[in-house]
Amino acid sequence: MLRLVVLLLVLANAGYFAWSQGLLAAWGFAPAATGEPQRLRQQIKPEALRILREEEARRLAPDAAPAAPSSSLR
């Protein structure tokens, strides 16, 4: 009885592995695609980013109020 249970668990694991790797896609069994192409299109291009010094940031946004330091540590 225990051998049967172990054999069933091994077969179940092998089936899950084959399914998760897409080996059963030819028979119509494959996991759902988890890609997010819309998020890839929305990503900021890192080569277009520029780090500003404090005075450059103030010059570009003069009406912005200075950020108050957080006092979460007591």
Protein backbone atom coordinates (compact mmCIF):
# COMPACT_ATOMS: atom_id res chain seq x y z
CA MET A 1 0.00 0.00 0.00
CA LEU A 2 2.81 2.42 0.88
CA ARG A 3 4.61 1.58 -2.37
CA LEU A 4 1.49 2.52 -4.32
CA VAL A 5 1.27 5.88 -2.54
CA VAL A 6 4.95 6.61 -3.20
CA LEU A 7 4.55 5.63 -6.86
CA LEU A 8 1.52 7.91 -7.23
CA LEU A 9 3.40 10.82 -5.63
CA VAL A 10 6.38 10.31 -7.95
CA LEU A 11 4.09 10.22 -10.98
CA ALA A 12 2.22 13.31 -9.79
CA ASN A 13 5.52 15.17 -9.33
CA ALA A 14 6.72 14.11 -12.78
CA GLY A 15 3.43 15.25 -14.30
CA TYR A 16 3.59 18.60 -12.54
CA PHE A 17 7.18 19.11 -13.69
CA ALA A 18 6.27 18.30 -17.29
CA TRP A 19 3.28 20.68 -17.14
CA SER A 20 5.22 23.55 -15.53
CA GLN A 21 8.03 23.27 -18.09
CA GLY A 22 5.55 23.35 -20.98
CA LEU A 23 6.34 19.81 -22.10
CA LEU A 24 2.63 19.01 -22.33
CA ALA A 25 1.76 22.04 -24.49
CA ALA A 26 1.48 19.88 -27.60
CA TRP A 27 -1.49 18.13 -25.96
CA GLY A 28 -3.11 21.39 -24.84
CA PHE A 29 -1.84 21.38 -21.28
CA ALA A 30 0.40 24.34 -20.48
CA PRO A 31 0.54 26.90 -17.68
CA ALA A 32 -0.87 30.36 -18.34
CA ALA A 33 1.60 32.93 -19.62
CA THR A 34 2.74 35.20 -16.79
CA GLY A 35 4.48 37.90 -18.80
CA GLU A 36 3.43 41.52 -18.52
CA PRO A 37 4.22 43.15 -21.87
CA GLN A 38 2.26 46.30 -21.01
CA ARG A 39 4.58 46.93 -18.06
CA LEU A 40 7.64 46.47 -20.24
CA ARG A 41 6.33 49.16 -22.61
CA GLN A 42 5.82 51.56 -19.67
CA GLN A 43 9.32 51.26 -18.26
CA ILE A 44 11.47 54.35 -18.10
CA LYS A 45 14.54 54.27 -20.30
CA PRO A 46 17.50 54.36 -17.91
CA GLU A 47 19.71 56.11 -20.46
CA ALA A 48 17.25 59.04 -20.50
CA LEU A 49 17.44 59.61 -16.73
CA ARG A 50 19.62 62.37 -15.39
CA ILE A 51 20.51 62.93 -11.75
CA LEU A 52 20.20 66.58 -10.77
CA ARG A 53 22.06 68.47 -8.10
CA GLU A 54 19.97 70.18 -5.47
CA GLU A 55 20.29 73.65 -6.98
CA GLU A 56 19.34 72.35 -10.46
CA ALA A 57 16.25 70.70 -9.01
CA ARG A 58 15.26 73.93 -7.24
CA ARG A 59 15.75 75.91 -10.44
CA LEU A 60 13.51 73.52 -12.40
CA ALA A 61 10.78 73.37 -9.73
CA PRO A 62 10.85 76.67 -7.80
CA ASP A 63 7.31 76.37 -6.43
CA ALA A 64 7.93 72.99 -4.79
CA ALA A 65 7.98 73.15 -1.01
CA PRO A 66 10.99 71.61 0.70
CA ALA A 67 10.28 68.18 2.11
CA ALA A 68 10.00 68.06 5.87
CA PRO A 69 12.18 65.42 7.54
CA SER A 70 10.17 62.52 8.81
CA SER A 71 10.10 62.08 12.54
CA SER A 72 9.05 58.45 12.62
CA LEU A 73 11.92 57.53 14.93
CA ARG A 74 11.27 58.52 18.51
